[in-house]
């Protein structure tokens, strides 16, 4: 079997630029890789924040339903007598 040719990120950046010498790396490539890394970290952090907010909301909803079932009235509603 032949060797599979998978293009790495560095080769992809060189190909986008039209450069045929992927042996040298200049400041543009380092800046592009840094920017992509920062974007990836930001997107991952945002996803973790959204997922944790959804899980906390689900937990609050479950606890509110359980409290209503156990004590017979809803949290946050006034009982007028």
PDB file of N, CA and C in Angstrom:
ATOM      1  N   UNK A   1       0.836  -1.177   0.000  1.00  0.00           N
ATOM      2  CA  UNK A   1       0.000   0.000   0.000  1.00  0.00           C
ATOM      3  C   UNK A   1       0.886   1.246   0.000  1.00  0.00           C
ATOM      4  N   UNK A   2       0.416   2.256  -0.713  1.00  0.00           N
ATOM      5  CA  UNK A   2       1.165   3.504  -0.790  1.00  0.00           C
ATOM      6  C   UNK A   2       0.996   4.348   0.456  1.00  0.00           C
ATOM      7  N   UNK A   3       1.899   5.276   0.590  1.00  0.00           N
ATOM      8  CA  UNK A   3       1.844   6.174   1.748  1.00  0.00           C
ATOM      9  C   UNK A   3       0.705   7.170   1.562  1.00  0.00           C
ATOM     10  N   UNK A   4      -0.145   7.281   2.581  1.00  0.00           N
ATOM     11  CA  UNK A   4      -1.249   8.237   2.520  1.00  0.00           C
ATOM     12  C   UNK A   4      -0.691   9.647   2.668  1.00  0.00           C
ATOM     13  N   UNK A   5      -1.242  10.565   1.888  1.00  0.00           N
ATOM     14  CA  UNK A   5      -0.766  11.943   1.930  1.00  0.00           C
ATOM     15  C   UNK A   5      -1.822  12.814   2.597  1.00  0.00           C
ATOM     16  N   UNK A   6      -1.651  13.046   3.888  1.00  0.00           N
ATOM     17  CA  UNK A   6      -2.560  13.913   4.619  1.00  0.00           C
ATOM     18  C   UNK A   6      -1.937  15.292   4.718  1.00  0.00           C
ATOM     19  N   UNK A   7      -2.720  16.301   4.377  1.00  0.00           N
ATOM     20  CA  UNK A   7      -2.210  17.658   4.412  1.00  0.00           C
ATOM     21  C   UNK A   7      -2.353  18.212   5.828  1.00  0.00           C
ATOM     22  N   UNK A   8      -1.249  18.670   6.394  1.00  0.00           N
ATOM     23  CA  UNK A   8      -1.287  19.293   7.709  1.00  0.00           C
ATOM     24  C   UNK A   8      -1.710  20.745   7.601  1.00  0.00           C
ATOM     25  N   UNK A   9      -1.821  21.378   8.743  1.00  0.00           N
ATOM     26  CA  UNK A   9      -2.256  22.775   8.769  1.00  0.00           C
ATOM     27  C   UNK A   9      -1.223  23.685   8.120  1.00  0.00           C
ATOM     28  N   UNK A  10       0.050  23.399   8.360  1.00  0.00           N
ATOM     29  CA  UNK A  10       1.104  24.226   7.765  1.00  0.00           C
ATOM     30  C   UNK A  10       1.074  24.124   6.245  1.00  0.00           C
ATOM     31  N   UNK A  11       0.943  22.916   5.723  1.00  0.00           N
ATOM     32  CA  UNK A  11       0.889  22.738   4.273  1.00  0.00           C
ATOM     33  C   UNK A  11      -0.360  23.382   3.689  1.00  0.00           C
ATOM     34  N   UNK A  12      -1.470  23.325   4.426  1.00  0.00           N
ATOM     35  CA  UNK A  12      -2.699  23.961   3.964  1.00  0.00           C
ATOM     36  C   UNK A  12      -2.518  25.470   3.846  1.00  0.00           C
ATOM     37  N   UNK A  13      -1.862  26.067   4.845  1.00  0.00           N
ATOM     38  CA  UNK A  13      -1.627  27.514   4.793  1.00  0.00           C
ATOM     39  C   UNK A  13      -0.726  27.877   3.620  1.00  0.00           C
ATOM     40  N   UNK A  14       0.305  27.084   3.380  1.00  0.00           N
ATOM     41  CA  UNK A  14       1.196  27.364   2.253  1.00  0.00           C
ATOM     42  C   UNK A  14       0.459  27.221   0.932  1.00  0.00           C
ATOM     43  N   UNK A  15      -0.404  26.212   0.834  1.00  0.00           N
ATOM     44  CA  UNK A  15      -1.139  26.003  -0.410  1.00  0.00           C
ATOM     45  C   UNK A  15      -2.118  27.148  -0.658  1.00  0.00           C
ATOM     46  N   UNK A  16      -2.755  27.655   0.403  1.00  0.00           N
ATOM     47  CA  UNK A  16      -3.664  28.782   0.249  1.00  0.00           C
ATOM     48  C   UNK A  16      -2.929  30.022  -0.248  1.00  0.00           C
ATOM     49  N   UNK A  17      -1.692  30.178   0.171  1.00  0.00           N
ATOM     50  CA  UNK A  17      -0.901  31.334  -0.235  1.00  0.00           C
ATOM     51  C   UNK A  17      -0.297  31.161  -1.618  1.00  0.00           C
ATOM     52  N   UNK A  18      -0.278  29.953  -2.097  1.00  0.00           N
ATOM     53  CA  UNK A  18       0.333  29.689  -3.393  1.00  0.00           C
ATOM     54  C   UNK A  18       1.826  29.449  -3.306  1.00  0.00           C
ATOM     55  N   UNK A  19       2.332  29.234  -2.114  1.00  0.00           N
ATOM     56  CA  UNK A  19       3.762  29.012  -1.913  1.00  0.00           C
ATOM     57  C   UNK A  19       4.061  27.534  -2.139  1.00  0.00           C
ATOM     58  N   UNK A  20       5.138  27.274  -2.818  1.00  0.00           N
ATOM     59  CA  UNK A  20       5.499  25.878  -3.095  1.00  0.00           C
ATOM     60  C   UNK A  20       6.655  25.403  -2.234  1.00  0.00           C
ATOM     61  N   UNK A  21       7.125  26.218  -1.317  1.00  0.00           N
ATOM     62  CA  UNK A  21       8.244  25.816  -0.461  1.00  0.00           C
ATOM     63  C   UNK A  21       7.789  25.776   0.993  1.00  0.00           C
ATOM     64  N   UNK A  22       7.219  24.671   1.431  1.00  0.00           N
ATOM     65  CA  UNK A  22       6.759  24.596   2.816  1.00  0.00           C
ATOM     66  C   UNK A  22       7.868  24.346   3.826  1.00  0.00           C
ATOM     67  N   UNK A  23       9.128  24.549   3.440  1.00  0.00           N
ATOM     68  CA  UNK A  23      10.226  24.325   4.372  1.00  0.00           C
ATOM     69  C   UNK A  23      10.489  25.548   5.244  1.00  0.00           C
ATOM     70  N   UNK A  24      10.165  26.720   4.739  1.00  0.00           N
ATOM     71  CA  UNK A  24      10.414  27.938   5.507  1.00  0.00           C
ATOM     72  C   UNK A  24       9.113  28.443   6.114  1.00  0.00           C
ATOM     73  N   UNK A  25       9.203  28.927   7.315  1.00  0.00           N
ATOM     74  CA  UNK A  25       8.043  29.468   8.010  1.00  0.00           C
ATOM     75  C   UNK A  25       8.361  30.917   8.358  1.00  0.00           C
ATOM     76  N   UNK A  26       7.485  31.826   7.949  1.00  0.00           N
ATOM     77  CA  UNK A  26       7.716  33.230   8.288  1.00  0.00           C
ATOM     78  C   UNK A  26       6.676  33.704   9.299  1.00  0.00           C
ATOM     79  N   UNK A  27       6.713  34.985   9.591  1.00  0.00           N
ATOM     80  CA  UNK A  27       5.850  35.533  10.643  1.00  0.00           C
ATOM     81  C   UNK A  27       4.373  35.445  10.296  1.00  0.00           C
ATOM     82  N   UNK A  28       4.027  35.504   9.009  1.00  0.00           N
ATOM     83  CA  UNK A  28       2.616  35.403   8.615  1.00  0.00           C
ATOM     84  C   UNK A  28       2.047  34.038   8.991  1.00  0.00           C
ATOM     85  N   UNK A  29       2.844  33.013   8.779  1.00  0.00           N
ATOM     86  CA  UNK A  29       2.379  31.661   9.106  1.00  0.00           C
ATOM     87  C   UNK A  29       2.226  31.480  10.613  1.00  0.00           C
ATOM     88  N   UNK A  30       3.172  32.008  11.365  1.00  0.00           N
ATOM     89  CA  UNK A  30       3.084  31.905  12.821  1.00  0.00           C
ATOM     90  C   UNK A  30       1.869  32.672  13.323  1.00  0.00           C
ATOM     91  N   UNK A  31       1.635  33.859  12.755  1.00  0.00           N
ATOM     92  CA  UNK A  31       0.470  34.652  13.160  1.00  0.00           C
ATOM     93  C   UNK A  31      -0.828  33.937  12.803  1.00  0.00           C
ATOM     94  N   UNK A  32      -0.870  33.309  11.627  1.00  0.00           N
ATOM     95  CA  UNK A  32      -2.081  32.591  11.219  1.00  0.00           C
ATOM     96  C   UNK A  32      -2.338  31.395  12.136  1.00  0.00           C
ATOM     97  N   UNK A  33      -1.287  30.657  12.470  1.00  0.00           N
ATOM     98  CA  UNK A  33      -1.450  29.515  13.368  1.00  0.00           C
ATOM     99  C   UNK A  33      -1.866  29.963  14.766  1.00  0.00           C
ATOM    100  N   UNK A  34      -1.290  31.068  15.247  1.00  0.00           N
ATOM    101  CA  UNK A  34      -1.669  31.599  16.548  1.00  0.00           C
ATOM    102  C   UNK A  34      -3.125  32.031  16.549  1.00  0.00           C
ATOM    103  N   UNK A  35      -3.539  32.707  15.479  1.00  0.00           N
ATOM    104  CA  UNK A  35      -4.926  33.162  15.379  1.00  0.00           C
ATOM    105  C   UNK A  35      -5.887  31.980  15.356  1.00  0.00           C
ATOM    106  N   UNK A  36      -5.557  30.949  14.576  1.00  0.00           N
ATOM    107  CA  UNK A  36      -6.418  29.768  14.528  1.00  0.00           C
ATOM    108  C   UNK A  36      -6.474  29.064  15.880  1.00  0.00           C
ATOM    109  N   UNK A  37      -5.350  29.017  16.579  1.00  0.00           N
ATOM    110  CA  UNK A  37      -5.330  28.407  17.905  1.00  0.00           C
ATOM    111  C   UNK A  37      -6.169  29.177  18.905  1.00  0.00           C
ATOM    112  N   UNK A  38      -6.053  30.509  18.872  1.00  0.00           N
ATOM    113  CA  UNK A  38      -6.844  31.339  19.783  1.00  0.00           C
ATOM    114  C   UNK A  38      -8.329  31.197  19.473  1.00  0.00           C
ATOM    115  N   UNK A  39      -8.678  31.165  18.189  1.00  0.00           N
ATOM    116  CA  UNK A  39     -10.087  30.981  17.806  1.00  0.00           C
ATOM    117  C   UNK A  39     -10.606  29.629  18.284  1.00  0.00           C
ATOM    118  N   UNK A  40      -9.792  28.591  18.142  1.00  0.00           N
ATOM    119  CA  UNK A  40     -10.217  27.257  18.576  1.00  0.00           C
ATOM    120  C   UNK A  40     -10.432  27.220  20.087  1.00  0.00           C
ATOM    121  N   UNK A  41      -9.535  27.847  20.842  1.00  0.00           N
ATOM    122  CA  UNK A  41      -9.689  27.882  22.301  1.00  0.00           C
ATOM    123  C   UNK A  41     -10.937  28.667  22.683  1.00  0.00           C
ATOM    124  N   UNK A  42     -11.179  29.795  22.000  1.00  0.00           N
ATOM    125  CA  UNK A  42     -12.358  30.610  22.296  1.00  0.00           C
ATOM    126  C   UNK A  42     -13.643  29.846  22.003  1.00  0.00           C
ATOM    127  N   UNK A  43     -13.687  29.159  20.861  1.00  0.00           N
ATOM    128  CA  UNK A  43     -14.892  28.407  20.491  1.00  0.00           C
ATOM    129  C   UNK A  43     -15.123  27.250  21.463  1.00  0.00           C
ATOM    130  N   UNK A  44     -14.048  26.570  21.855  1.00  0.00           N
ATOM    131  CA  UNK A  44     -14.194  25.475  22.816  1.00  0.00           C
ATOM    132  C   UNK A  44     -14.688  25.998  24.163  1.00  0.00           C
ATOM    133  N   UNK A  45     -14.145  27.126  24.610  1.00  0.00           N
ATOM    134  CA  UNK A  45     -14.599  27.716  25.868  1.00  0.00           C
ATOM    135  C   UNK A  45     -16.045  28.152  25.809  1.00  0.00           C
ATOM    136  N   UNK A  46     -16.437  28.718  24.677  1.00  0.00           N
ATOM    137  CA  UNK A  46     -17.824  29.145  24.508  1.00  0.00           C
ATOM    138  C   UNK A  46     -18.762  27.942  24.531  1.00  0.00           C
ATOM    139  N   UNK A  47     -18.350  26.862  23.887  1.00  0.00           N
ATOM    140  CA  UNK A  47     -19.176  25.648  23.893  1.00  0.00           C
ATOM    141  C   UNK A  47     -19.313  25.081  25.302  1.00  0.00           C
ATOM    142  N   UNK A  48     -18.227  25.075  26.056  1.00  0.00           N
ATOM    143  CA  UNK A  48     -18.284  24.575  27.432  1.00  0.00           C
ATOM    144  C   UNK A  48     -19.208  25.450  28.268  1.00  0.00           C
ATOM    145  N   UNK A  49     -19.128  26.777  28.066  1.00  0.00           N
ATOM    146  CA  UNK A  49     -19.995  27.701  28.809  1.00  0.00           C
ATOM    147  C   UNK A  49     -21.465  27.455  28.476  1.00  0.00           C
ATOM    148  N   UNK A  50     -21.781  27.297  27.201  1.00  0.00           N
ATOM    149  CA  UNK A  50     -23.171  27.086  26.785  1.00  0.00           C
ATOM    150  C   UNK A  50     -23.697  25.758  27.319  1.00  0.00           C
ATOM    151  N   UNK A  51     -22.902  24.709  27.205  1.00  0.00           N
ATOM    152  CA  UNK A  51     -23.339  23.392  27.679  1.00  0.00           C
ATOM    153  C   UNK A  51     -23.544  23.405  29.191  1.00  0.00           C
ATOM    154  N   UNK A  52     -22.634  24.041  29.931  1.00  0.00           N
ATOM    155  CA  UNK A  52     -22.798  24.075  31.386  1.00  0.00           C
ATOM    156  C   UNK A  52     -24.004  24.919  31.781  1.00  0.00           C
ATOM    157  N   UNK A  53     -24.273  26.014  31.053  1.00  0.00           N
ATOM    158  CA  UNK A  53     -25.465  26.820  31.353  1.00  0.00           C
ATOM    159  C   UNK A  53     -26.738  26.018  31.099  1.00  0.00           C
ATOM    160  N   UNK A  54     -26.757  25.250  30.026  1.00  0.00           N
ATOM    161  CA  UNK A  54     -27.926  24.417  29.745  1.00  0.00           C
ATOM    162  C   UNK A  54     -28.113  23.339  30.809  1.00  0.00           C
ATOM    163  N   UNK A  55     -27.015  22.738  31.246  1.00  0.00           N
ATOM    164  CA  UNK A  55     -27.117  21.708  32.284  1.00  0.00           C
ATOM    165  C   UNK A  55     -27.573  22.294  33.615  1.00  0.00           C
ATOM    166  N   UNK A  56     -27.094  23.496  33.953  1.00  0.00           N
ATOM    167  CA  UNK A  56     -27.543  24.140  35.193  1.00  0.00           C
ATOM    168  C   UNK A  56     -29.026  24.477  35.099  1.00  0.00           C
ATOM    169  N   UNK A  57     -29.471  24.966  33.948  1.00  0.00           N
ATOM    170  CA  UNK A  57     -30.893  25.252  33.756  1.00  0.00           C
ATOM    171  C   UNK A  57     -31.746  24.006  33.885  1.00  0.00           C
ATOM    172  N   UNK A  58     -31.268  22.903  33.324  1.00  0.00           N
ATOM    173  CA  UNK A  58     -32.000  21.641  33.435  1.00  0.00           C
ATOM    174  C   UNK A  58     -32.056  21.166  34.884  1.00  0.00           C
ATOM    175  N   UNK A  59     -30.952  21.312  35.607  1.00  0.00           N
ATOM    176  CA  UNK A  59     -30.925  20.918  37.017  1.00  0.00           C
ATOM    177  C   UNK A  59     -31.898  21.756  37.836  1.00  0.00           C
ATOM    178  N   UNK A  60     -31.942  23.065  37.589  1.00  0.00           N
ATOM    179  CA  UNK A  60     -32.879  23.932  38.314  1.00  0.00           C
ATOM    180  C   UNK A  60     -34.314  23.529  38.013  1.00  0.00           C
ATOM    181  N   UNK A  61     -34.592  23.216  36.743  1.00  0.00           N
ATOM    182  CA  UNK A  61     -35.955  22.813  36.378  1.00  0.00           C
ATOM    183  C   UNK A  61     -36.338  21.504  37.070  1.00  0.00           C
ATOM    184  N   UNK A  62     -35.437  20.544  37.099  1.00  0.00           N
ATOM    185  CA  UNK A  62     -35.716  19.264  37.758  1.00  0.00           C
ATOM    186  C   UNK A  62     -35.929  19.466  39.253  1.00  0.00           C
ATOM    187  N   UNK A  63     -35.080  20.281  39.874  1.00  0.00           N
ATOM    188  CA  UNK A  63     -35.231  20.516  41.313  1.00  0.00           C
ATOM    189  C   UNK A  63     -36.521  21.259  41.623  1.00  0.00           C
ATOM    190  N   UNK A  64     -36.930  22.188  40.759  1.00  0.00           N
ATOM    191  CA  UNK A  64     -38.184  22.920  40.979  1.00  0.00           C
ATOM    192  C   UNK A  64     -39.381  21.967  40.879  1.00  0.00           C
ATOM    193  N   UNK A  65     -39.365  21.072  39.895  1.00  0.00           N
ATOM    194  CA  UNK A  65     -40.460  20.100  39.748  1.00  0.00           C
ATOM    195  C   UNK A  65     -40.503  19.169  40.962  1.00  0.00           C
ATOM    196  N   UNK A  66     -39.340  18.742  41.418  1.00  0.00           N
ATOM    197  CA  UNK A  66     -39.288  17.860  42.581  1.00  0.00           C
ATOM    198  C   UNK A  66     -39.789  18.580  43.836  1.00  0.00           C
ATOM    199  N   UNK A  67     -39.447  19.848  43.979  1.00  0.00           N
ATOM    200  CA  UNK A  67     -39.905  20.628  45.132  1.00  0.00           C
ATOM    201  C   UNK A  67     -41.418  20.806  45.105  1.00  0.00           C
ATOM    202  N   UNK A  68     -41.966  21.077  43.906  1.00  0.00           N
ATOM    203  CA  UNK A  68     -43.424  21.204  43.771  1.00  0.00           C
ATOM    204  C   UNK A  68     -44.118  19.894  44.123  1.00  0.00           C
ATOM    205  N   UNK A  69     -43.555  18.788  43.664  1.00  0.00           N
ATOM    206  CA  UNK A  69     -44.173  17.494  43.917  1.00  0.00           C
ATOM    207  C   UNK A  69     -44.129  17.155  45.408  1.00  0.00           C
ATOM    208  N   UNK A  70     -43.032  17.485  46.048  1.00  0.00           N
ATOM    209  CA  UNK A  70     -42.871  17.112  47.446  1.00  0.00           C
ATOM    210  C   UNK A  70     -43.654  18.023  48.392  1.00  0.00           C
ATOM    211  N   UNK A  71     -43.625  19.336  48.148  1.00  0.00           N
ATOM    212  CA  UNK A  71     -44.227  20.270  49.103  1.00  0.00           C
ATOM    213  C   UNK A  71     -45.543  20.863  48.628  1.00  0.00           C
ATOM    214  N   UNK A  72     -45.930  20.615  47.406  1.00  0.00           N
ATOM    215  CA  UNK A  72     -47.261  20.964  46.964  1.00  0.00           C
ATOM    216  C   UNK A  72     -47.458  22.359  46.423  1.00  0.00           C
ATOM    217  N   UNK A  73     -46.444  23.196  46.387  1.00  0.00           N
ATOM    218  CA  UNK A  73     -46.618  24.513  45.779  1.00  0.00           C
ATOM    219  C   UNK A  73     -45.344  24.902  45.041  1.00  0.00           C
ATOM    220  N   UNK A  74     -45.504  25.869  44.188  1.00  0.00           N
ATOM    221  CA  UNK A  74     -44.415  26.241  43.303  1.00  0.00           C
ATOM    222  C   UNK A  74     -43.471  27.226  43.983  1.00  0.00           C
ATOM    223  N   UNK A  75     -42.242  27.172  43.602  1.00  0.00           N
ATOM    224  CA  UNK A  75     -41.242  28.110  44.096  1.00  0.00           C
ATOM    225  C   UNK A  75     -41.452  29.442  43.391  1.00  0.00           C
ATOM    226  N   UNK A  76     -41.461  30.514  44.150  1.00  0.00           N
ATOM    227  CA  UNK A  76     -41.571  31.828  43.543  1.00  0.00           C
ATOM    228  C   UNK A  76     -42.981  32.376  43.487  1.00  0.00           C
ATOM    229  N   UNK A  77     -43.991  31.574  43.732  1.00  0.00           N
ATOM    230  CA  UNK A  77     -45.378  32.055  43.726  1.00  0.00           C
ATOM    231  C   UNK A  77     -45.788  32.452  45.130  1.00  0.00           C
ATOM    232  N   UNK A  78     -46.521  33.534  45.204  1.00  0.00           N
ATOM    233  CA  UNK A  78     -47.025  33.967  46.509  1.00  0.00           C
ATOM    234  C   UNK A  78     -48.316  33.217  46.838  1.00  0.00           C
ATOM    235  N   UNK A  79     -48.439  32.875  48.064  1.00  0.00           N
ATOM    236  CA  UNK A  79     -49.677  32.251  48.527  1.00  0.00           C
ATOM    237  C   UNK A  79     -50.507  33.349  49.182  1.00  0.00           C
ATOM    238  N   UNK A  80     -51.621  33.684  48.553  1.00  0.00           N
ATOM    239  CA  UNK A  80     -52.488  34.744  49.068  1.00  0.00           C
ATOM    240  C   UNK A  80     -53.518  34.106  49.988  1.00  0.00           C
ATOM    241  N   UNK A  81     -53.583  34.618  51.212  1.00  0.00           N
ATOM    242  CA  UNK A  81     -54.556  34.041  52.143  1.00  0.00           C
ATOM    243  C   UNK A  81     -55.500  35.090  52.689  1.00  0.00           C
TER     244      UNK A  81
END
